[in-house]
Amino acid sequence: MRQIQLFLTKEIFANWRTKKIPILFIIAFSVGILSPFLAKIMPNILTSILPKEMAITLPTPTSSDSWTQYYKNLPQFLLLAIVLLSVGIISTEVEKGTLIPFITKGLSRYAVVMSKGLYLFFIWSFTLFTSFLINASYTAYYFNDDKSPHLLLPLFGFWLYGIIFLAATIFASTLAKNTGASLLIIAIFYLISNLLGIFKKITHYNPFTLGSNSINWLTGKSDFTTYWPAVALAIFLIFSFFILSLMIFKKRRL
């Protein structure tokens, strides 16, 4: 446990020095601030760019529009940024040989994988909850309504959805020989996750639904309790990726 704690500390300081953590915090703040702002001004933007002869009445924006914008921005910016900045989290160090001094001095390979996994878990949780609180504050400021009654369930679903991809990132980086190969594995994994969305009959069992059904849970149009099979499979997938990562890295030549 002490090895994990020490290497996790090293991981945090290393990512702070390379400006990765500050970049992620800037993105988290931007997503939290801009999502309600864009929802607020979007009708004015559309009105200004449409021809004057097209007289249409746009609905008044609500808190639901703000959260819709927020959950559209999260995968495109925050989650994507974390994955891209971490895609070579193990393969890069293996390629450069920077892990060899730690391993030869007694650091277990188990501690390496777990500390890097914990780092991604903490940075994703912290940046996600930070952006969520900022978005909730600005949404309450811009939109005083009750059209978004269920805030925590979609947040939990998207948080778990993000962990799936971060666990897949660890697995890809452990399996691949370099960053490019890791990125290719993640791209294939993302493609498969999208293809599974085609099969509507397995929606309640599809763990990737946790990242695409946020607005329905937010507004109460869909019952989250019917998606517990998807939650269970998501947890199973996360643990499977970590176990496979540990098994592969244990036998990998440094």
C-alpha atoms as a PDB file:
ATOM      1  CA  MET A   1       0.000   0.000   0.000  1.00  0.00           C
ATOM      2  CA  ARG A   2       2.871   2.350   0.778  1.00  0.00           C
ATOM      3  CA  GLN A   3       4.369   1.719  -2.659  1.00  0.00           C
ATOM      4  CA  ILE A   4       1.068   2.670  -4.300  1.00  0.00           C
ATOM      5  CA  GLN A   5       0.865   5.829  -2.186  1.00  0.00           C
ATOM      6  CA  LEU A   6       4.419   6.908  -3.047  1.00  0.00           C
ATOM      7  CA  PHE A   7       4.104   6.196  -6.772  1.00  0.00           C
ATOM      8  CA  LEU A   8       0.692   7.888  -6.871  1.00  0.00           C
ATOM      9  CA  THR A   9       2.271  11.002  -5.344  1.00  0.00           C
ATOM     10  CA  LYS A  10       5.010  10.838  -7.965  1.00  0.00           C
ATOM     11  CA  GLU A  11       2.365  10.526 -10.693  1.00  0.00           C
ATOM     12  CA  ILE A  12       0.461  13.587  -9.461  1.00  0.00           C
ATOM     13  CA  PHE A  13       3.585  15.767  -9.247  1.00  0.00           C
ATOM     14  CA  ALA A  14       4.808  14.582 -12.647  1.00  0.00           C
ATOM     15  CA  ASN A  15       1.493  15.452 -14.317  1.00  0.00           C
ATOM     16  CA  TRP A  16       1.415  18.795 -12.525  1.00  0.00           C
ATOM     17  CA  ARG A  17       4.914  19.687 -13.745  1.00  0.00           C
ATOM     18  CA  THR A  18       4.032  18.755 -17.312  1.00  0.00           C
ATOM     19  CA  LYS A  19       0.954  21.045 -17.083  1.00  0.00           C
ATOM     20  CA  LYS A  20      -1.493  18.188 -17.723  1.00  0.00           C
ATOM     21  CA  ILE A  21      -3.444  18.719 -14.498  1.00  0.00           C
ATOM     22  CA  PRO A  22      -3.727  22.529 -14.926  1.00  0.00           C
ATOM     23  CA  ILE A  23      -4.952  21.991 -18.499  1.00  0.00           C
ATOM     24  CA  LEU A  24      -7.657  19.602 -17.279  1.00  0.00           C
ATOM     25  CA  PHE A  25      -8.800  22.046 -14.609  1.00  0.00           C
ATOM     26  CA  ILE A  26      -9.036  24.844 -17.181  1.00  0.00           C
ATOM     27  CA  ILE A  27     -11.173  22.598 -19.403  1.00  0.00           C
ATOM     28  CA  ALA A  28     -13.374  21.601 -16.424  1.00  0.00           C
ATOM     29  CA  PHE A  29     -13.949  25.256 -15.499  1.00  0.00           C
ATOM     30  CA  SER A  30     -14.657  26.161 -19.127  1.00  0.00           C
ATOM     31  CA  VAL A  31     -17.234  23.396 -19.572  1.00  0.00           C
ATOM     32  CA  GLY A  32     -18.958  24.362 -16.318  1.00  0.00           C
ATOM     33  CA  ILE A  33     -19.108  28.065 -17.160  1.00  0.00           C
ATOM     34  CA  LEU A  34     -19.790  27.978 -20.906  1.00  0.00           C
ATOM     35  CA  SER A  35     -22.541  25.331 -20.980  1.00  0.00           C
ATOM     36  CA  PRO A  36     -25.261  27.438 -19.250  1.00  0.00           C
ATOM     37  CA  PHE A  37     -24.000  30.600 -20.934  1.00  0.00           C
ATOM     38  CA  LEU A  38     -24.308  29.092 -24.407  1.00  0.00           C
ATOM     39  CA  ALA A  39     -27.771  27.726 -23.573  1.00  0.00           C
ATOM     40  CA  LYS A  40     -28.795  31.224 -22.491  1.00  0.00           C
ATOM     41  CA  ILE A  41     -27.574  33.095 -25.574  1.00  0.00           C
ATOM     42  CA  MET A  42     -28.252  30.413 -28.225  1.00  0.00           C
ATOM     43  CA  PRO A  43     -31.722  31.771 -29.174  1.00  0.00           C
ATOM     44  CA  ASN A  44     -30.207  35.221 -29.705  1.00  0.00           C
ATOM     45  CA  ILE A  45     -27.436  33.750 -31.860  1.00  0.00           C
ATOM     46  CA  LEU A  46     -29.890  31.787 -34.000  1.00  0.00           C
ATOM     47  CA  THR A  47     -32.126  34.831 -34.382  1.00  0.00           C
ATOM     48  CA  SER A  48     -29.215  36.989 -35.529  1.00  0.00           C
ATOM     49  CA  ILE A  49     -27.971  34.530 -38.172  1.00  0.00           C
ATOM     50  CA  LEU A  50     -31.333  33.543 -39.645  1.00  0.00           C
ATOM     51  CA  PRO A  51     -32.729  35.604 -42.520  1.00  0.00           C
ATOM     52  CA  LYS A  52     -35.240  38.270 -41.454  1.00  0.00           C
ATOM     53  CA  GLU A  53     -37.946  36.792 -43.680  1.00  0.00           C
ATOM     54  CA  MET A  54     -37.797  33.578 -41.641  1.00  0.00           C
ATOM     55  CA  ALA A  55     -39.931  34.675 -38.737  1.00  0.00           C
ATOM     56  CA  ILE A  56     -39.778  31.844 -36.231  1.00  0.00           C
ATOM     57  CA  THR A  57     -40.420  31.822 -32.519  1.00  0.00           C
ATOM     58  CA  LEU A  58     -37.718  30.090 -30.540  1.00  0.00           C
ATOM     59  CA  PRO A  59     -38.609  28.560 -27.179  1.00  0.00           C
ATOM     60  CA  THR A  60     -37.299  30.253 -24.066  1.00  0.00           C
ATOM     61  CA  PRO A  61     -34.184  28.405 -22.838  1.00  0.00           C
ATOM     62  CA  THR A  62     -34.487  26.460 -19.593  1.00  0.00           C
ATOM     63  CA  SER A  63     -32.214  24.689 -17.140  1.00  0.00           C
ATOM     64  CA  SER A  64     -32.756  21.519 -19.161  1.00  0.00           C
ATOM     65  CA  ASP A  65     -31.086  23.222 -22.147  1.00  0.00           C
ATOM     66  CA  SER A  66     -28.137  24.142 -19.951  1.00  0.00           C
ATOM     67  CA  TRP A  67     -27.666  20.574 -18.756  1.00  0.00           C
ATOM     68  CA  THR A  68     -28.144  19.239 -22.285  1.00  0.00           C
ATOM     69  CA  GLN A  69     -25.301  21.476 -23.399  1.00  0.00           C
ATOM     70  CA  TYR A  70     -23.230  20.358 -20.413  1.00  0.00           C
ATOM     71  CA  TYR A  71     -23.574  16.632 -21.096  1.00  0.00           C
ATOM     72  CA  LYS A  72     -22.795  17.213 -24.769  1.00  0.00           C
ATOM     73  CA  ASN A  73     -19.607  19.077 -23.864  1.00  0.00           C
ATOM     74  CA  LEU A  74     -18.331  16.603 -21.251  1.00  0.00           C
ATOM     75  CA  PRO A  75     -17.366  13.747 -23.625  1.00  0.00           C
ATOM     76  CA  GLN A  76     -16.184  16.128 -26.356  1.00  0.00           C
ATOM     77  CA  PHE A  77     -13.866  18.123 -24.126  1.00  0.00           C
ATOM     78  CA  LEU A  78     -13.184  16.938 -20.559  1.00  0.00           C
ATOM     79  CA  LEU A  79     -13.280  13.149 -20.982  1.00  0.00           C
ATOM     80  CA  LEU A  80     -11.569  13.304 -24.369  1.00  0.00           C
ATOM     81  CA  ALA A  81      -8.812  15.510 -22.936  1.00  0.00           C
ATOM     82  CA  ILE A  82      -8.123  13.127 -20.042  1.00  0.00           C
ATOM     83  CA  VAL A  83      -7.987  10.121 -22.376  1.00  0.00           C
ATOM     84  CA  LEU A  84      -5.687  11.849 -24.880  1.00  0.00           C
ATOM     85  CA  LEU A  85      -3.348  13.147 -22.167  1.00  0.00           C
ATOM     86  CA  SER A  86      -3.214   9.702 -20.540  1.00  0.00           C
ATOM     87  CA  VAL A  87      -3.249   7.382 -23.536  1.00  0.00           C
ATOM     88  CA  GLY A  88       0.445   6.578 -23.128  1.00  0.00           C
ATOM     89  CA  ILE A  89       0.434   6.545 -19.340  1.00  0.00           C
ATOM     90  CA  ILE A  90       2.261   3.190 -19.198  1.00  0.00           C
ATOM     91  CA  SER A  91       3.445   2.506 -22.756  1.00  0.00           C
ATOM     92  CA  THR A  92       5.395   5.791 -22.915  1.00  0.00           C
ATOM     93  CA  GLU A  93       7.310   4.990 -19.726  1.00  0.00           C
ATOM     94  CA  VAL A  94       8.031   1.463 -20.938  1.00  0.00           C
ATOM     95  CA  GLU A  95       9.193   2.832 -24.290  1.00  0.00           C
ATOM     96  CA  LYS A  96      11.524   5.360 -22.618  1.00  0.00           C
ATOM     97  CA  GLY A  97      12.683   2.938 -19.932  1.00  0.00           C
ATOM     98  CA  THR A  98      11.794   5.301 -17.069  1.00  0.00           C
ATOM     99  CA  LEU A  99      10.157   2.521 -15.036  1.00  0.00           C
ATOM    100  CA  ILE A 100      13.256   0.335 -14.906  1.00  0.00           C
ATOM    101  CA  PRO A 101      14.957   2.216 -12.003  1.00  0.00           C
ATOM    102  CA  PHE A 102      11.781   1.950  -9.905  1.00  0.00           C
ATOM    103  CA  ILE A 103      11.252  -1.744 -10.645  1.00  0.00           C
ATOM    104  CA  THR A 104      14.905  -2.651  -9.955  1.00  0.00           C
ATOM    105  CA  LYS A 105      14.702  -0.859  -6.598  1.00  0.00           C
ATOM    106  CA  GLY A 106      11.786  -3.007  -5.484  1.00  0.00           C
ATOM    107  CA  LEU A 107       8.659  -1.260  -6.775  1.00  0.00           C
ATOM    108  CA  SER A 108       6.086  -3.918  -7.647  1.00  0.00           C
ATOM    109  CA  ARG A 109       4.444  -3.902 -11.055  1.00  0.00           C
ATOM    110  CA  TYR A 110       1.110  -4.166  -9.269  1.00  0.00           C
ATOM    111  CA  ALA A 111       1.818  -0.809  -7.587  1.00  0.00           C
ATOM    112  CA  VAL A 112       2.640   0.803 -10.941  1.00  0.00           C
ATOM    113  CA  VAL A 113      -0.666  -0.175 -12.552  1.00  0.00           C
ATOM    114  CA  MET A 114      -2.772   0.568  -9.466  1.00  0.00           C
ATOM    115  CA  SER A 115      -1.197   3.968  -8.801  1.00  0.00           C
ATOM    116  CA  LYS A 116      -1.725   5.072 -12.395  1.00  0.00           C
ATOM    117  CA  GLY A 117      -5.300   3.781 -12.289  1.00  0.00           C
ATOM    118  CA  LEU A 118      -5.953   5.637  -9.025  1.00  0.00           C
ATOM    119  CA  TYR A 119      -4.466   8.813 -10.483  1.00  0.00           C
ATOM    120  CA  LEU A 120      -6.883   8.693 -13.433  1.00  0.00           C
ATOM    121  CA  PHE A 121      -9.765   7.857 -11.096  1.00  0.00           C
ATOM    122  CA  PHE A 122      -9.047  10.856  -8.828  1.00  0.00           C
ATOM    123  CA  ILE A 123      -8.358  13.371 -11.586  1.00  0.00           C
ATOM    124  CA  TRP A 124     -11.518  12.346 -13.476  1.00  0.00           C
ATOM    125  CA  SER A 125     -13.670  12.474 -10.333  1.00  0.00           C
ATOM    126  CA  PHE A 126     -12.275  15.811  -9.181  1.00  0.00           C
ATOM    127  CA  THR A 127     -12.493  17.598 -12.533  1.00  0.00           C
ATOM    128  CA  LEU A 128     -15.948  16.162 -13.269  1.00  0.00           C
ATOM    129  CA  PHE A 129     -17.406  17.183  -9.898  1.00  0.00           C
ATOM    130  CA  THR A 130     -15.757  20.605 -10.181  1.00  0.00           C
ATOM    131  CA  SER A 131     -17.322  21.258 -13.570  1.00  0.00           C
ATOM    132  CA  PHE A 132     -20.650  19.896 -12.292  1.00  0.00           C
ATOM    133  CA  LEU A 133     -20.737  22.290  -9.327  1.00  0.00           C
ATOM    134  CA  ILE A 134     -19.809  25.256 -11.513  1.00  0.00           C
ATOM    135  CA  ASN A 135     -22.461  24.327 -14.075  1.00  0.00           C
ATOM    136  CA  ALA A 136     -25.087  23.834 -11.358  1.00  0.00           C
ATOM    137  CA  SER A 137     -24.287  27.258  -9.873  1.00  0.00           C
ATOM    138  CA  TYR A 138     -24.468  29.118 -13.173  1.00  0.00           C
ATOM    139  CA  THR A 139     -27.564  27.186 -14.271  1.00  0.00           C
ATOM    140  CA  ALA A 140     -29.327  28.214 -11.046  1.00  0.00           C
ATOM    141  CA  TYR A 141     -28.262  31.813 -11.724  1.00  0.00           C
ATOM    142  CA  TYR A 142     -29.451  31.936 -15.354  1.00  0.00           C
ATOM    143  CA  PHE A 143     -32.525  29.676 -15.117  1.00  0.00           C
ATOM    144  CA  ASN A 144     -34.825  29.724 -12.116  1.00  0.00           C
ATOM    145  CA  ASP A 145     -37.059  26.744 -12.902  1.00  0.00           C
ATOM    146  CA  ASP A 146     -37.706  23.154 -11.867  1.00  0.00           C
ATOM    147  CA  LYS A 147     -37.200  21.493 -15.248  1.00  0.00           C
ATOM    148  CA  SER A 148     -34.112  19.546 -14.092  1.00  0.00           C
ATOM    149  CA  PRO A 149     -35.221  17.807 -10.897  1.00  0.00           C
ATOM    150  CA  HIS A 150     -32.793  14.858 -10.907  1.00  0.00           C
ATOM    151  CA  LEU A 151     -29.212  16.132 -10.956  1.00  0.00           C
ATOM    152  CA  LEU A 152     -27.246  13.371  -9.230  1.00  0.00           C
ATOM    153  CA  LEU A 153     -28.347  10.258 -11.137  1.00  0.00           C
ATOM    154  CA  PRO A 154     -27.092  11.411 -14.569  1.00  0.00           C
ATOM    155  CA  LEU A 155     -23.885  12.632 -12.925  1.00  0.00           C
ATOM    156  CA  PHE A 156     -23.304   9.198 -11.399  1.00  0.00           C
ATOM    157  CA  GLY A 157     -24.021   7.505 -14.726  1.00  0.00           C
ATOM    158  CA  PHE A 158     -21.605   9.704 -16.646  1.00  0.00           C
ATOM    159  CA  TRP A 159     -18.947   9.389 -13.931  1.00  0.00           C
ATOM    160  CA  LEU A 160     -19.090   5.588 -14.256  1.00  0.00           C
ATOM    161  CA  TYR A 161     -19.083   5.880 -18.056  1.00  0.00           C
ATOM    162  CA  GLY A 162     -15.876   7.907 -17.851  1.00  0.00           C
ATOM    163  CA  ILE A 163     -14.204   5.361 -15.579  1.00  0.00           C
ATOM    164  CA  ILE A 164     -14.907   2.647 -18.165  1.00  0.00           C
ATOM    165  CA  PHE A 165     -12.907   4.577 -20.747  1.00  0.00           C
ATOM    166  CA  LEU A 166     -10.111   5.378 -18.317  1.00  0.00           C
ATOM    167  CA  ALA A 167      -9.853   1.702 -17.349  1.00  0.00           C
ATOM    168  CA  ALA A 168      -9.741   0.915 -21.081  1.00  0.00           C
ATOM    169  CA  THR A 169      -6.983   3.533 -21.423  1.00  0.00           C
ATOM    170  CA  ILE A 170      -4.901   1.770 -18.766  1.00  0.00           C
ATOM    171  CA  PHE A 171      -5.494  -1.556 -20.513  1.00  0.00           C
ATOM    172  CA  ALA A 172      -4.574  -0.148 -23.938  1.00  0.00           C
ATOM    173  CA  SER A 173      -1.426   1.490 -22.593  1.00  0.00           C
ATOM    174  CA  THR A 174      -0.390  -1.738 -20.886  1.00  0.00           C
ATOM    175  CA  LEU A 175      -1.036  -3.843 -23.979  1.00  0.00           C
ATOM    176  CA  ALA A 176       0.413  -1.551 -26.652  1.00  0.00           C
ATOM    177  CA  LYS A 177       4.091  -0.978 -27.394  1.00  0.00           C
ATOM    178  CA  ASN A 178       3.732   2.753 -27.982  1.00  0.00           C
ATOM    179  CA  THR A 179       1.320   5.670 -27.662  1.00  0.00           C
ATOM    180  CA  GLY A 180       0.087   5.387 -31.248  1.00  0.00           C
ATOM    181  CA  ALA A 181      -0.958   1.774 -30.761  1.00  0.00           C
ATOM    182  CA  SER A 182      -2.651   2.683 -27.467  1.00  0.00           C
ATOM    183  CA  LEU A 183      -4.633   5.389 -29.223  1.00  0.00           C
ATOM    184  CA  LEU A 184      -5.702   2.948 -31.929  1.00  0.00           C
ATOM    185  CA  ILE A 185      -6.996   0.474 -29.330  1.00  0.00           C
ATOM    186  CA  ILE A 186      -8.991   3.234 -27.598  1.00  0.00           C
ATOM    187  CA  ALA A 187     -10.401   4.372 -30.954  1.00  0.00           C
ATOM    188  CA  ILE A 188     -11.564   0.816 -31.722  1.00  0.00           C
ATOM    189  CA  PHE A 189     -13.061   0.518 -28.244  1.00  0.00           C
ATOM    190  CA  TYR A 190     -14.935   3.810 -28.739  1.00  0.00           C
ATOM    191  CA  LEU A 191     -16.238   2.624 -32.124  1.00  0.00           C
ATOM    192  CA  ILE A 192     -17.518  -0.607 -30.565  1.00  0.00           C
ATOM    193  CA  SER A 193     -19.238   1.342 -27.772  1.00  0.00           C
ATOM    194  CA  ASN A 194     -21.075   3.425 -30.372  1.00  0.00           C
ATOM    195  CA  LEU A 195     -22.061   0.401 -32.446  1.00  0.00           C
ATOM    196  CA  LEU A 196     -23.625  -1.239 -29.383  1.00  0.00           C
ATOM    197  CA  GLY A 197     -25.989   1.722 -29.155  1.00  0.00           C
ATOM    198  CA  ILE A 198     -27.656   0.547 -32.374  1.00  0.00           C
ATOM    199  CA  PHE A 199     -29.182  -2.445 -30.611  1.00  0.00           C
ATOM    200  CA  LYS A 200     -32.093  -0.898 -28.689  1.00  0.00           C
ATOM    201  CA  LYS A 201     -33.121  -4.213 -27.129  1.00  0.00           C
ATOM    202  CA  ILE A 202     -29.994  -4.260 -24.974  1.00  0.00           C
ATOM    203  CA  THR A 203     -30.202  -0.609 -23.926  1.00  0.00           C
ATOM    204  CA  HIS A 204     -30.800  -1.405 -20.258  1.00  0.00           C
ATOM    205  CA  TYR A 205     -27.828  -3.795 -20.279  1.00  0.00           C
ATOM    206  CA  ASN A 206     -25.489  -1.627 -22.313  1.00  0.00           C
ATOM    207  CA  PRO A 207     -22.945   0.062 -19.976  1.00  0.00           C
ATOM    208  CA  PHE A 208     -22.249   2.766 -22.559  1.00  0.00           C
ATOM    209  CA  THR A 209     -25.841   3.951 -22.218  1.00  0.00           C
ATOM    210  CA  LEU A 210     -24.663   5.566 -18.985  1.00  0.00           C
ATOM    211  CA  GLY A 211     -22.966   8.230 -21.077  1.00  0.00           C
ATOM    212  CA  SER A 212     -25.805   8.916 -23.512  1.00  0.00           C
ATOM    213  CA  ASN A 213     -29.011   8.884 -21.460  1.00  0.00           C
ATOM    214  CA  SER A 214     -28.157  11.693 -19.039  1.00  0.00           C
ATOM    215  CA  ILE A 215     -30.861  14.152 -20.121  1.00  0.00           C
ATOM    216  CA  ASN A 216     -33.667  11.596 -19.876  1.00  0.00           C
ATOM    217  CA  TRP A 217     -32.634  10.802 -16.289  1.00  0.00           C
ATOM    218  CA  LEU A 218     -32.188  14.481 -15.532  1.00  0.00           C
ATOM    219  CA  THR A 219     -35.724  15.402 -16.542  1.00  0.00           C
ATOM    220  CA  GLY A 220     -37.342  12.211 -15.225  1.00  0.00           C
ATOM    221  CA  LYS A 221     -38.333  10.954 -18.676  1.00  0.00           C
ATOM    222  CA  SER A 222     -36.514   7.687 -18.005  1.00  0.00           C
ATOM    223  CA  ASP A 223     -36.295   5.628 -14.814  1.00  0.00           C
ATOM    224  CA  PHE A 224     -32.695   5.119 -13.735  1.00  0.00           C
ATOM    225  CA  THR A 225     -33.547   2.022 -11.676  1.00  0.00           C
ATOM    226  CA  THR A 226     -34.195   0.045 -14.865  1.00  0.00           C
ATOM    227  CA  TYR A 227     -30.563   0.597 -15.870  1.00  0.00           C
ATOM    228  CA  TRP A 228     -28.954  -1.177 -12.916  1.00  0.00           C
ATOM    229  CA  PRO A 229     -27.941  -4.088 -15.191  1.00  0.00           C
ATOM    230  CA  ALA A 230     -25.925  -1.562 -17.232  1.00  0.00           C
ATOM    231  CA  VAL A 231     -24.323  -0.262 -14.024  1.00  0.00           C
ATOM    232  CA  ALA A 232     -23.413  -3.798 -12.948  1.00  0.00           C
ATOM    233  CA  LEU A 233     -21.867  -4.571 -16.342  1.00  0.00           C
ATOM    234  CA  ALA A 234     -19.970  -1.269 -16.245  1.00  0.00           C
ATOM    235  CA  ILE A 235     -18.413  -2.204 -12.900  1.00  0.00           C
ATOM    236  CA  PHE A 236     -17.591  -5.666 -14.223  1.00  0.00           C
ATOM    237  CA  LEU A 237     -15.961  -4.130 -17.303  1.00  0.00           C
ATOM    238  CA  ILE A 238     -13.864  -1.747 -15.187  1.00  0.00           C
ATOM    239  CA  PHE A 239     -12.542  -4.509 -12.930  1.00  0.00           C
ATOM    240  CA  SER A 240     -11.923  -6.757 -15.939  1.00  0.00           C
ATOM    241  CA  PHE A 241      -9.774  -4.102 -17.605  1.00  0.00           C
ATOM    242  CA  PHE A 242      -7.720  -3.606 -14.441  1.00  0.00           C
ATOM    243  CA  ILE A 243      -7.228  -7.331 -13.857  1.00  0.00           C
ATOM    244  CA  LEU A 244      -6.155  -7.838 -17.475  1.00  0.00           C
ATOM    245  CA  SER A 245      -3.826  -4.837 -17.204  1.00  0.00           C
ATOM    246  CA  LEU A 246      -2.185  -6.301 -14.098  1.00  0.00           C
ATOM    247  CA  MET A 247      -1.778  -9.707 -15.743  1.00  0.00           C
ATOM    248  CA  ILE A 248      -0.276  -8.246 -18.929  1.00  0.00           C
ATOM    249  CA  PHE A 249       2.064  -5.793 -17.202  1.00  0.00           C
ATOM    250  CA  LYS A 250       3.298  -8.480 -14.822  1.00  0.00           C
ATOM    251  CA  LYS A 251       4.691 -10.433 -17.796  1.00  0.00           C
ATOM    252  CA  ARG A 252       5.682  -7.470 -19.942  1.00  0.00           C
ATOM    253  CA  ARG A 253       9.348  -6.977 -20.738  1.00  0.00           C
ATOM    254  CA  LEU A 254      10.580  -3.529 -19.708  1.00  0.00           C
END
